[in-house]
Amino acid sequence: MMYQISSGQGPAECELGVAKLLAHLREHYDIALLDASPGWHAGTYRSVRFSTDADLSAYLGSVLWVCPSPYRPAHKRKNWFMDVSACPSAQTAGFDPEQVVLETFRSGGKGGQNVNKVETGVRALYLPTGQTVVCMDERSQYANKQKAIARLRARTEQENLRRAAAEKNGHWRCHTNLERGNAALRFKGPKFKPF
């Protein structure tokens, strides 16, 4: 499962809280960090995305960290909020050349009399997505088949990149969903201890 910890639009103390919460989770669970948006100060994060097989449903929602500001000692505020949310992952598909259906036809263009006698044109259909391409660029049927399969592979990879970008953009929008108050979990002090 993929999760995101976000400081929302909070100050640098919330960004430090994200780093401390990530460190806390790493102590207790096996986590693979996917990406991170660095915070204002070194070692802090505006947000982090990670994946884990562990069930972190107890952490979902607002997380409160009660601690005097390490950056502004005279500041009266001591409550810093972070948000933990489960992120749906985009469905990406690997390309399987076995799922390509090829159909040949006679094509015009370069090739002289060869194109009038031999079916050199290729129409390729990729069954999982329904995408089709036509290739008549080469004089050889074999070369056209290879080009058609390469074009289908490129389209599949491009669609995977588009879905991944849309997923990341959707996760970034979660930053504005931070609810201050009604915390699911609470931590206190510079050592980030649960209470």
N, C-alpha and C. Protein backbone atom coordinates (compact mmCIF):
# COMPACT_ATOMS: atom_id res chain seq x y z
N MET A 1 0.85 -1.18 0.00
CA MET A 1 0.00 0.00 0.00
C MET A 1 0.88 1.24 0.00
N MET A 2 0.41 2.29 -0.63
CA MET A 2 1.16 3.53 -0.69
C MET A 2 0.52 4.55 0.26
N TYR A 3 1.38 5.27 1.00
CA TYR A 3 0.93 6.29 1.96
C TYR A 3 1.67 7.58 1.72
N GLN A 4 1.06 8.67 2.19
CA GLN A 4 1.70 9.98 2.12
C GLN A 4 1.59 10.67 3.47
N ILE A 5 2.69 11.25 3.92
CA ILE A 5 2.68 12.10 5.10
C ILE A 5 2.90 13.51 4.61
N SER A 6 2.04 14.42 5.03
CA SER A 6 2.09 15.79 4.53
C SER A 6 2.06 16.80 5.67
N SER A 7 2.79 17.88 5.49
CA SER A 7 2.74 18.98 6.44
C SER A 7 1.63 19.96 6.07
N GLY A 8 0.90 19.67 5.01
CA GLY A 8 -0.13 20.58 4.52
C GLY A 8 0.51 21.88 4.10
N GLN A 9 -0.06 22.96 4.50
CA GLN A 9 0.52 24.28 4.23
C GLN A 9 1.14 24.83 5.52
N GLY A 10 1.46 23.91 6.44
CA GLY A 10 1.96 24.30 7.76
C GLY A 10 3.37 24.87 7.73
N PRO A 11 3.79 25.44 8.85
CA PRO A 11 5.13 26.05 8.94
C PRO A 11 6.23 25.00 9.04
N ALA A 12 7.45 25.46 9.20
CA ALA A 12 8.63 24.59 9.24
C ALA A 12 8.55 23.55 10.35
N GLU A 13 7.87 23.85 11.45
CA GLU A 13 7.73 22.89 12.54
C GLU A 13 6.92 21.66 12.09
N CYS A 14 5.92 21.89 11.25
CA CYS A 14 5.14 20.76 10.70
C CYS A 14 6.01 19.93 9.77
N GLU A 15 6.89 20.58 9.02
CA GLU A 15 7.80 19.85 8.13
C GLU A 15 8.76 18.99 8.95
N LEU A 16 9.21 19.51 10.10
CA LEU A 16 10.05 18.72 11.00
C LEU A 16 9.25 17.54 11.55
N GLY A 17 7.97 17.78 11.85
CA GLY A 17 7.09 16.71 12.33
C GLY A 17 6.96 15.59 11.31
N VAL A 18 6.91 15.93 10.02
CA VAL A 18 6.83 14.91 8.97
C VAL A 18 8.08 14.03 9.03
N ALA A 19 9.25 14.66 9.16
CA ALA A 19 10.52 13.91 9.24
C ALA A 19 10.54 13.01 10.48
N LYS A 20 10.05 13.52 11.61
CA LYS A 20 10.04 12.72 12.84
C LYS A 20 9.04 11.57 12.75
N LEU A 21 7.89 11.81 12.14
CA LEU A 21 6.91 10.74 11.98
C LEU A 21 7.44 9.66 11.03
N LEU A 22 8.12 10.07 9.97
CA LEU A 22 8.72 9.11 9.06
C LEU A 22 9.77 8.26 9.79
N ALA A 23 10.60 8.90 10.59
CA ALA A 23 11.61 8.17 11.36
C ALA A 23 10.95 7.19 12.34
N HIS A 24 9.87 7.63 12.97
CA HIS A 24 9.12 6.77 13.90
C HIS A 24 8.58 5.53 13.16
N LEU A 25 8.00 5.74 11.99
CA LEU A 25 7.45 4.63 11.22
C LEU A 25 8.55 3.68 10.76
N ARG A 26 9.70 4.23 10.38
CA ARG A 26 10.82 3.39 9.93
C ARG A 26 11.35 2.51 11.06
N GLU A 27 11.24 2.98 12.31
CA GLU A 27 11.67 2.17 13.45
C GLU A 27 10.79 0.94 13.63
N HIS A 28 9.50 1.07 13.29
CA HIS A 28 8.54 0.02 13.59
C HIS A 28 8.08 -0.80 12.39
N TYR A 29 8.29 -0.29 11.18
CA TYR A 29 7.78 -0.97 9.99
C TYR A 29 8.85 -0.96 8.88
N ASP A 30 8.67 -1.89 7.95
CA ASP A 30 9.54 -1.93 6.77
C ASP A 30 8.92 -1.00 5.72
N ILE A 31 9.62 0.08 5.42
CA ILE A 31 9.09 1.13 4.55
C ILE A 31 10.05 1.38 3.40
N ALA A 32 9.49 1.54 2.21
CA ALA A 32 10.29 1.91 1.03
C ALA A 32 9.88 3.32 0.62
N LEU A 33 10.80 4.26 0.75
CA LEU A 33 10.53 5.65 0.40
C LEU A 33 10.45 5.79 -1.11
N LEU A 34 9.35 6.36 -1.61
CA LEU A 34 9.17 6.52 -3.06
C LEU A 34 9.65 7.89 -3.53
N ASP A 35 9.21 8.94 -2.85
CA ASP A 35 9.70 10.28 -3.16
C ASP A 35 9.43 11.20 -1.99
N ALA A 36 10.13 12.31 -1.99
CA ALA A 36 10.01 13.26 -0.88
C ALA A 36 10.14 14.67 -1.41
N SER A 37 9.39 15.57 -0.83
CA SER A 37 9.49 16.99 -1.15
C SER A 37 10.18 17.65 0.03
N PRO A 38 11.41 18.17 -0.15
CA PRO A 38 12.15 18.70 0.99
C PRO A 38 11.50 19.94 1.59
N GLY A 39 11.71 20.10 2.89
CA GLY A 39 11.18 21.25 3.62
C GLY A 39 12.15 22.41 3.61
N TRP A 40 11.81 23.42 4.40
CA TRP A 40 12.60 24.65 4.47
C TRP A 40 13.97 24.39 5.09
N HIS A 41 14.02 23.61 6.15
CA HIS A 41 15.26 23.29 6.85
C HIS A 41 15.78 21.93 6.40
N ALA A 42 17.09 21.74 6.51
CA ALA A 42 17.71 20.47 6.11
C ALA A 42 17.14 19.33 6.95
N GLY A 43 16.87 18.22 6.31
CA GLY A 43 16.37 17.04 7.02
C GLY A 43 14.88 17.06 7.31
N THR A 44 14.17 18.06 6.78
CA THR A 44 12.72 18.12 6.96
C THR A 44 12.04 17.92 5.62
N TYR A 45 10.73 17.63 5.67
CA TYR A 45 9.98 17.33 4.44
C TYR A 45 8.63 18.04 4.46
N ARG A 46 8.26 18.56 3.30
CA ARG A 46 6.89 19.05 3.13
C ARG A 46 5.96 17.85 3.00
N SER A 47 6.44 16.84 2.28
CA SER A 47 5.67 15.59 2.17
C SER A 47 6.60 14.46 1.78
N VAL A 48 6.18 13.25 2.11
CA VAL A 48 6.88 12.04 1.69
C VAL A 48 5.84 11.02 1.25
N ARG A 49 6.19 10.25 0.23
CA ARG A 49 5.36 9.12 -0.18
C ARG A 49 6.18 7.86 -0.01
N PHE A 50 5.56 6.83 0.54
CA PHE A 50 6.27 5.57 0.76
C PHE A 50 5.31 4.42 0.59
N SER A 51 5.87 3.23 0.41
CA SER A 51 5.04 2.03 0.33
C SER A 51 5.46 1.06 1.42
N THR A 52 4.51 0.29 1.86
CA THR A 52 4.76 -0.73 2.88
C THR A 52 3.67 -1.79 2.78
N ASP A 53 3.99 -2.99 3.22
CA ASP A 53 3.00 -4.05 3.29
C ASP A 53 2.25 -4.03 4.62
N ALA A 54 2.74 -3.23 5.57
CA ALA A 54 2.12 -3.15 6.90
C ALA A 54 0.80 -2.37 6.82
N ASP A 55 -0.09 -2.68 7.75
CA ASP A 55 -1.36 -1.97 7.85
C ASP A 55 -1.15 -0.74 8.73
N LEU A 56 -1.19 0.43 8.12
CA LEU A 56 -1.00 1.68 8.87
C LEU A 56 -2.31 2.45 9.03
N SER A 57 -3.43 1.74 9.04
CA SER A 57 -4.73 2.40 9.14
C SER A 57 -4.88 3.17 10.45
N ALA A 58 -4.17 2.79 11.50
CA ALA A 58 -4.25 3.52 12.77
C ALA A 58 -3.62 4.90 12.66
N TYR A 59 -2.76 5.11 11.68
CA TYR A 59 -2.09 6.40 11.51
C TYR A 59 -2.85 7.35 10.59
N LEU A 60 -3.86 6.87 9.88
CA LEU A 60 -4.56 7.70 8.90
C LEU A 60 -5.29 8.86 9.56
N GLY A 61 -5.22 10.00 8.91
CA GLY A 61 -5.86 11.21 9.42
C GLY A 61 -4.83 12.18 9.96
N SER A 62 -5.29 13.08 10.82
CA SER A 62 -4.40 14.07 11.41
C SER A 62 -3.56 13.46 12.51
N VAL A 63 -2.32 13.90 12.57
CA VAL A 63 -1.40 13.49 13.63
C VAL A 63 -0.91 14.76 14.32
N LEU A 64 -0.99 14.79 15.64
CA LEU A 64 -0.60 15.96 16.43
C LEU A 64 0.76 15.73 17.06
N TRP A 65 1.60 16.73 16.96
CA TRP A 65 2.89 16.72 17.65
C TRP A 65 2.90 17.94 18.57
N VAL A 66 2.97 17.70 19.88
CA VAL A 66 2.98 18.77 20.88
C VAL A 66 4.42 18.98 21.32
N CYS A 67 4.96 20.16 20.97
CA CYS A 67 6.37 20.45 21.29
C CYS A 67 6.61 21.94 21.07
N PRO A 68 7.40 22.57 21.95
CA PRO A 68 7.78 23.95 21.67
C PRO A 68 8.57 24.03 20.37
N SER A 69 8.44 25.13 19.68
CA SER A 69 9.11 25.28 18.39
C SER A 69 10.63 25.24 18.54
N PRO A 70 11.31 24.34 17.80
CA PRO A 70 12.76 24.32 17.84
C PRO A 70 13.38 25.45 17.01
N TYR A 71 12.57 26.07 16.17
CA TYR A 71 13.07 27.14 15.30
C TYR A 71 12.76 28.54 15.83
N ARG A 72 11.68 28.66 16.60
CA ARG A 72 11.26 29.96 17.15
C ARG A 72 11.00 29.79 18.65
N PRO A 73 12.04 29.90 19.47
CA PRO A 73 11.91 29.61 20.90
C PRO A 73 10.85 30.44 21.63
N ALA A 74 10.60 31.65 21.22
CA ALA A 74 9.64 32.51 21.92
C ALA A 74 8.22 32.32 21.40
N HIS A 75 8.04 31.46 20.44
CA HIS A 75 6.72 31.26 19.84
C HIS A 75 5.82 30.53 20.84
N LYS A 76 4.56 31.00 20.98
CA LYS A 76 3.64 30.43 21.95
C LYS A 76 2.99 29.12 21.48
N ARG A 77 2.89 28.96 20.19
CA ARG A 77 2.22 27.76 19.67
C ARG A 77 3.08 26.52 19.92
N LYS A 78 2.39 25.42 20.33
CA LYS A 78 3.08 24.17 20.60
C LYS A 78 2.44 22.98 19.87
N ASN A 79 1.35 23.20 19.18
CA ASN A 79 0.64 22.12 18.48
C ASN A 79 0.94 22.17 16.99
N TRP A 80 1.50 21.09 16.46
CA TRP A 80 1.86 21.01 15.04
C TRP A 80 1.18 19.79 14.44
N PHE A 81 0.51 19.98 13.32
CA PHE A 81 -0.28 18.92 12.71
C PHE A 81 0.32 18.43 11.40
N MET A 82 0.22 17.12 11.19
CA MET A 82 0.58 16.49 9.93
C MET A 82 -0.61 15.63 9.48
N ASP A 83 -0.60 15.25 8.25
CA ASP A 83 -1.67 14.40 7.72
C ASP A 83 -1.07 13.13 7.14
N VAL A 84 -1.67 11.99 7.47
CA VAL A 84 -1.27 10.72 6.87
C VAL A 84 -2.46 10.23 6.06
N SER A 85 -2.23 9.96 4.79
CA SER A 85 -3.31 9.49 3.94
C SER A 85 -2.85 8.31 3.11
N ALA A 86 -3.79 7.42 2.84
CA ALA A 86 -3.53 6.28 1.95
C ALA A 86 -3.72 6.77 0.53
N CYS A 87 -2.80 6.43 -0.33
CA CYS A 87 -2.83 6.90 -1.71
C CYS A 87 -3.12 5.75 -2.66
N PRO A 88 -4.14 5.91 -3.48
CA PRO A 88 -4.37 4.87 -4.49
C PRO A 88 -3.24 4.91 -5.51
N SER A 89 -2.83 3.77 -5.98
CA SER A 89 -1.76 3.74 -6.98
C SER A 89 -2.34 3.56 -8.36
N ALA A 90 -1.73 4.22 -9.32
CA ALA A 90 -2.20 4.15 -10.70
C ALA A 90 -1.99 2.74 -11.24
N GLN A 91 -2.94 2.31 -12.02
CA GLN A 91 -2.83 1.00 -12.65
C GLN A 91 -1.99 1.14 -13.91
N THR A 92 -0.78 0.63 -13.85
CA THR A 92 0.07 0.66 -15.03
C THR A 92 0.19 -0.76 -15.55
N ALA A 93 0.34 -0.86 -16.84
CA ALA A 93 0.40 -2.17 -17.47
C ALA A 93 1.73 -2.35 -18.16
N GLY A 94 2.33 -3.48 -17.93
CA GLY A 94 3.53 -3.82 -18.69
C GLY A 94 3.11 -4.26 -20.09
N PHE A 95 3.98 -4.08 -21.04
CA PHE A 95 3.67 -4.45 -22.41
C PHE A 95 3.97 -5.93 -22.63
N ASP A 96 3.00 -6.66 -23.16
CA ASP A 96 3.16 -8.08 -23.45
C ASP A 96 3.05 -8.29 -24.96
N PRO A 97 4.15 -8.56 -25.66
CA PRO A 97 4.09 -8.73 -27.11
C PRO A 97 3.21 -9.92 -27.54
N GLU A 98 2.97 -10.85 -26.61
CA GLU A 98 2.11 -11.99 -26.94
C GLU A 98 0.65 -11.57 -27.13
N GLN A 99 0.29 -10.38 -26.64
CA GLN A 99 -1.08 -9.90 -26.73
C GLN A 99 -1.32 -9.05 -27.98
N VAL A 100 -0.36 -9.04 -28.91
CA VAL A 100 -0.49 -8.28 -30.14
C VAL A 100 -1.01 -9.19 -31.25
N VAL A 101 -2.07 -8.74 -31.91
CA VAL A 101 -2.62 -9.46 -33.05
C VAL A 101 -2.19 -8.70 -34.31
N LEU A 102 -1.54 -9.41 -35.21
CA LEU A 102 -1.02 -8.80 -36.44
C LEU A 102 -1.86 -9.23 -37.63
N GLU A 103 -2.12 -8.27 -38.51
CA GLU A 103 -2.85 -8.53 -39.74
C GLU A 103 -2.06 -7.89 -40.87
N THR A 104 -1.88 -8.58 -41.96
CA THR A 104 -1.10 -8.03 -43.08
C THR A 104 -2.03 -7.67 -44.23
N PHE A 105 -1.55 -6.75 -45.07
CA PHE A 105 -2.30 -6.32 -46.24
C PHE A 105 -1.33 -5.77 -47.28
N ARG A 106 -1.80 -5.66 -48.49
CA ARG A 106 -0.97 -5.07 -49.53
C ARG A 106 -0.98 -3.56 -49.35
N SER A 107 0.17 -2.98 -49.49
CA SER A 107 0.27 -1.53 -49.27
C SER A 107 0.90 -0.86 -50.47
N GLY A 108 0.60 0.40 -50.64
CA GLY A 108 1.25 1.20 -51.68
C GLY A 108 2.53 1.77 -51.14
N GLY A 109 3.14 2.63 -51.90
CA GLY A 109 4.35 3.30 -51.42
C GLY A 109 5.59 2.65 -51.97
N LYS A 110 6.72 2.92 -51.31
CA LYS A 110 7.99 2.43 -51.84
C LYS A 110 8.05 0.91 -51.79
N GLY A 111 8.75 0.36 -52.73
CA GLY A 111 8.88 -1.08 -52.80
C GLY A 111 8.68 -1.61 -54.20
N GLY A 112 8.27 -0.75 -55.11
CA GLY A 112 8.12 -1.18 -56.50
C GLY A 112 7.06 -2.24 -56.64
N GLN A 113 7.31 -3.21 -57.53
CA GLN A 113 6.36 -4.29 -57.77
C GLN A 113 6.17 -5.18 -56.55
N ASN A 114 7.15 -5.16 -55.62
CA ASN A 114 7.05 -6.00 -54.42
C ASN A 114 5.77 -5.70 -53.64
N VAL A 115 5.41 -4.40 -53.53
CA VAL A 115 4.22 -4.06 -52.74
C VAL A 115 2.94 -4.48 -53.43
N ASN A 116 2.97 -4.68 -54.76
CA ASN A 116 1.78 -5.14 -55.47
C ASN A 116 1.60 -6.65 -55.33
N LYS A 117 2.66 -7.39 -55.06
CA LYS A 117 2.62 -8.84 -55.01
C LYS A 117 2.55 -9.40 -53.59
N VAL A 118 3.20 -8.71 -52.64
CA VAL A 118 3.36 -9.24 -51.28
C VAL A 118 2.63 -8.33 -50.28
N GLU A 119 2.04 -8.93 -49.28
CA GLU A 119 1.37 -8.16 -48.22
C GLU A 119 2.43 -7.63 -47.26
N THR A 120 2.91 -6.41 -47.52
CA THR A 120 3.97 -5.84 -46.67
C THR A 120 3.41 -4.94 -45.59
N GLY A 121 2.22 -4.41 -45.76
CA GLY A 121 1.62 -3.55 -44.74
C GLY A 121 1.17 -4.37 -43.54
N VAL A 122 1.25 -3.76 -42.34
CA VAL A 122 0.89 -4.47 -41.11
C VAL A 122 -0.03 -3.59 -40.26
N ARG A 123 -1.11 -4.20 -39.81
CA ARG A 123 -2.00 -3.57 -38.83
C ARG A 123 -1.85 -4.38 -37.55
N ALA A 124 -1.53 -3.69 -36.45
CA ALA A 124 -1.31 -4.38 -35.17
C ALA A 124 -2.34 -3.90 -34.16
N LEU A 125 -2.93 -4.84 -33.46
CA LEU A 125 -3.93 -4.55 -32.42
C LEU A 125 -3.40 -5.09 -31.10
N TYR A 126 -3.37 -4.22 -30.07
CA TYR A 126 -2.94 -4.65 -28.74
C TYR A 126 -4.20 -4.95 -27.94
N LEU A 127 -4.44 -6.21 -27.64
CA LEU A 127 -5.70 -6.67 -27.05
C LEU A 127 -6.04 -6.02 -25.70
N PRO A 128 -5.11 -5.88 -24.73
CA PRO A 128 -5.51 -5.32 -23.43
C PRO A 128 -6.05 -3.89 -23.50
N THR A 129 -5.54 -3.08 -24.43
CA THR A 129 -5.97 -1.68 -24.48
C THR A 129 -6.83 -1.36 -25.69
N GLY A 130 -6.82 -2.22 -26.70
CA GLY A 130 -7.58 -1.96 -27.91
C GLY A 130 -6.91 -0.99 -28.86
N GLN A 131 -5.69 -0.60 -28.59
CA GLN A 131 -4.97 0.34 -29.45
C GLN A 131 -4.54 -0.36 -30.73
N THR A 132 -4.59 0.38 -31.83
CA THR A 132 -4.14 -0.17 -33.11
C THR A 132 -3.16 0.78 -33.76
N VAL A 133 -2.24 0.22 -34.52
CA VAL A 133 -1.32 1.00 -35.33
C VAL A 133 -1.21 0.33 -36.69
N VAL A 134 -0.91 1.14 -37.70
CA VAL A 134 -0.69 0.64 -39.04
C VAL A 134 0.71 1.06 -39.45
N CYS A 135 1.44 0.11 -40.04
CA CYS A 135 2.80 0.41 -40.46
C CYS A 135 3.00 -0.08 -41.90
N MET A 136 3.38 0.86 -42.78
CA MET A 136 3.67 0.55 -44.18
C MET A 136 4.99 1.21 -44.59
N ASP A 137 5.84 1.50 -43.63
CA ASP A 137 7.04 2.29 -43.89
C ASP A 137 8.12 1.52 -44.64
N GLU A 138 8.21 0.24 -44.39
CA GLU A 138 9.33 -0.55 -44.93
C GLU A 138 8.86 -1.45 -46.07
N ARG A 139 9.82 -1.95 -46.84
CA ARG A 139 9.53 -2.86 -47.94
C ARG A 139 9.29 -4.28 -47.44
N SER A 140 9.76 -4.55 -46.23
CA SER A 140 9.68 -5.90 -45.68
C SER A 140 8.52 -6.00 -44.69
N GLN A 141 7.77 -7.09 -44.79
CA GLN A 141 6.69 -7.35 -43.83
C GLN A 141 7.25 -7.51 -42.42
N TYR A 142 8.37 -8.21 -42.32
CA TYR A 142 9.00 -8.43 -41.01
C TYR A 142 9.38 -7.10 -40.35
N ALA A 143 9.98 -6.20 -41.11
CA ALA A 143 10.39 -4.89 -40.57
C ALA A 143 9.17 -4.08 -40.15
N ASN A 144 8.09 -4.15 -40.94
CA ASN A 144 6.87 -3.44 -40.57
C ASN A 144 6.24 -4.01 -39.30
N LYS A 145 6.31 -5.34 -39.13
CA LYS A 145 5.80 -5.95 -37.90
C LYS A 145 6.60 -5.46 -36.69
N GLN A 146 7.91 -5.42 -36.81
CA GLN A 146 8.75 -4.96 -35.71
C GLN A 146 8.46 -3.51 -35.36
N LYS A 147 8.29 -2.67 -36.38
CA LYS A 147 7.98 -1.25 -36.14
C LYS A 147 6.61 -1.09 -35.48
N ALA A 148 5.63 -1.87 -35.93
CA ALA A 148 4.28 -1.77 -35.36
C ALA A 148 4.28 -2.17 -33.89
N ILE A 149 4.99 -3.24 -33.55
CA ILE A 149 5.07 -3.67 -32.15
C ILE A 149 5.81 -2.62 -31.32
N ALA A 150 6.86 -2.03 -31.87
CA ALA A 150 7.59 -0.98 -31.15
C ALA A 150 6.70 0.24 -30.90
N ARG A 151 5.88 0.59 -31.86
CA ARG A 151 4.96 1.73 -31.68
C ARG A 151 3.93 1.44 -30.59
N LEU A 152 3.40 0.22 -30.57
CA LEU A 152 2.44 -0.15 -29.51
C LEU A 152 3.11 -0.12 -28.14
N ARG A 153 4.35 -0.60 -28.07
CA ARG A 153 5.09 -0.57 -26.80
C ARG A 153 5.28 0.88 -26.33
N ALA A 154 5.64 1.77 -27.26
CA ALA A 154 5.85 3.18 -26.91
C ALA A 154 4.55 3.82 -26.44
N ARG A 155 3.44 3.49 -27.07
CA ARG A 155 2.15 4.05 -26.64
C ARG A 155 1.79 3.58 -25.23
N THR A 156 2.03 2.30 -24.94
CA THR A 156 1.74 1.77 -23.61
C THR A 156 2.60 2.45 -22.55
N GLU A 157 3.88 2.63 -22.84
CA GLU A 157 4.78 3.30 -21.90
C GLU A 157 4.38 4.76 -21.69
N GLN A 158 3.96 5.42 -22.77
CA GLN A 158 3.52 6.81 -22.66
C GLN A 158 2.26 6.92 -21.79
N GLU A 159 1.34 5.99 -21.96
CA GLU A 159 0.12 5.97 -21.14
C GLU A 159 0.46 5.72 -19.67
N ASN A 160 1.42 4.84 -19.40
CA ASN A 160 1.85 4.59 -18.02
C ASN A 160 2.44 5.84 -17.40
N LEU A 161 3.25 6.59 -18.16
CA LEU A 161 3.83 7.84 -17.65
C LEU A 161 2.74 8.87 -17.37
N ARG A 162 1.74 8.95 -18.25
CA ARG A 162 0.64 9.89 -18.04
C ARG A 162 -0.13 9.55 -16.76
N ARG A 163 -0.40 8.26 -16.56
CA ARG A 163 -1.13 7.84 -15.35
C ARG A 163 -0.32 8.11 -14.08
N ALA A 164 0.99 7.87 -14.14
CA ALA A 164 1.84 8.12 -12.97
C ALA A 164 1.87 9.61 -12.64
N ALA A 165 1.92 10.48 -13.65
CA ALA A 165 1.93 11.92 -13.42
C ALA A 165 0.59 12.38 -12.83
N ALA A 166 -0.51 11.82 -13.33
CA ALA A 166 -1.84 12.17 -12.79
C ALA A 166 -1.96 11.71 -11.34
N GLU A 167 -1.39 10.53 -11.03
CA GLU A 167 -1.41 10.02 -9.66
C GLU A 167 -0.64 10.95 -8.72
N LYS A 168 0.55 11.35 -9.14
CA LYS A 168 1.37 12.23 -8.30
C LYS A 168 0.68 13.57 -8.09
N ASN A 169 0.05 14.09 -9.12
CA ASN A 169 -0.68 15.36 -9.02
C ASN A 169 -1.85 15.22 -8.04
N GLY A 170 -2.55 14.09 -8.09
CA GLY A 170 -3.65 13.85 -7.16
C GLY A 170 -3.18 13.76 -5.72
N HIS A 171 -2.03 13.13 -5.51
CA HIS A 171 -1.48 13.04 -4.15
C HIS A 171 -1.08 14.42 -3.64
N TRP A 172 -0.55 15.24 -4.53
CA TRP A 172 -0.13 16.58 -4.11
C TRP A 172 -1.33 17.40 -3.65
N ARG A 173 -2.50 17.17 -4.25
CA ARG A 173 -3.70 17.91 -3.84
C ARG A 173 -4.13 17.56 -2.42
N CYS A 174 -3.68 16.43 -1.90
CA CYS A 174 -4.02 16.03 -0.53
C CYS A 174 -3.43 16.97 0.51
N HIS A 175 -2.46 17.79 0.12
CA HIS A 175 -1.84 18.72 1.07
C HIS A 175 -2.86 19.70 1.65
N THR A 176 -3.87 20.03 0.89
CA THR A 176 -4.86 20.99 1.37
C THR A 176 -5.94 20.33 2.22
N ASN A 177 -5.93 19.01 2.36
CA ASN A 177 -6.95 18.30 3.12
C ASN A 177 -6.61 18.15 4.60
N LEU A 178 -5.52 18.70 5.04
CA LEU A 178 -5.09 18.54 6.43
C LEU A 178 -6.11 19.17 7.37
N GLU A 179 -6.58 18.34 8.32
CA GLU A 179 -7.54 18.81 9.32
C GLU A 179 -6.79 19.07 10.62
N ARG A 180 -6.77 20.30 11.05
CA ARG A 180 -6.10 20.66 12.30
C ARG A 180 -7.10 20.44 13.44
N GLY A 181 -6.76 19.56 14.33
CA GLY A 181 -7.67 19.16 15.39
C GLY A 181 -8.16 17.74 15.11
N ASN A 182 -8.79 17.13 16.12
CA ASN A 182 -9.33 15.79 15.97
C ASN A 182 -8.24 14.80 15.50
N ALA A 183 -7.11 14.83 16.16
CA ALA A 183 -5.96 14.01 15.75
C ALA A 183 -6.19 12.53 16.03
N ALA A 184 -5.80 11.70 15.07
CA ALA A 184 -5.89 10.25 15.25
C ALA A 184 -4.82 9.76 16.22
N LEU A 185 -3.63 10.34 16.13
CA LEU A 185 -2.52 9.98 17.01
C LEU A 185 -1.87 11.25 17.54
N ARG A 186 -1.22 11.12 18.71
CA ARG A 186 -0.57 12.27 19.34
C ARG A 186 0.84 11.89 19.77
N PHE A 187 1.76 12.79 19.53
CA PHE A 187 3.15 12.62 19.95
C PHE A 187 3.56 13.88 20.68
N LYS A 188 4.57 13.75 21.57
CA LYS A 188 4.99 14.93 22.31
C LYS A 188 6.51 14.97 22.45
N GLY A 189 6.99 16.17 22.60
CA GLY A 189 8.41 16.41 22.90
C GLY A 189 9.34 16.26 21.72
N PRO A 190 10.58 16.72 21.91
CA PRO A 190 11.57 16.63 20.84
C PRO A 190 11.89 15.21 20.44
N LYS A 191 11.67 14.22 21.36
CA LYS A 191 11.95 12.83 21.03
C LYS A 191 10.78 12.13 20.35
N PHE A 192 9.68 12.86 20.14
CA PHE A 192 8.53 12.37 19.38
C PHE A 192 7.99 11.07 19.98
N LYS A 193 7.59 11.14 21.24
CA LYS A 193 7.06 9.97 21.96
C LYS A 193 5.54 10.00 21.93
N PRO A 194 4.89 8.85 21.68
CA PRO A 194 3.42 8.80 21.68
C PRO A 194 2.87 9.04 23.09
N PHE A 195 1.69 9.69 23.14
CA PHE A 195 1.00 9.83 24.44
C PHE A 195 -0.49 9.68 24.27
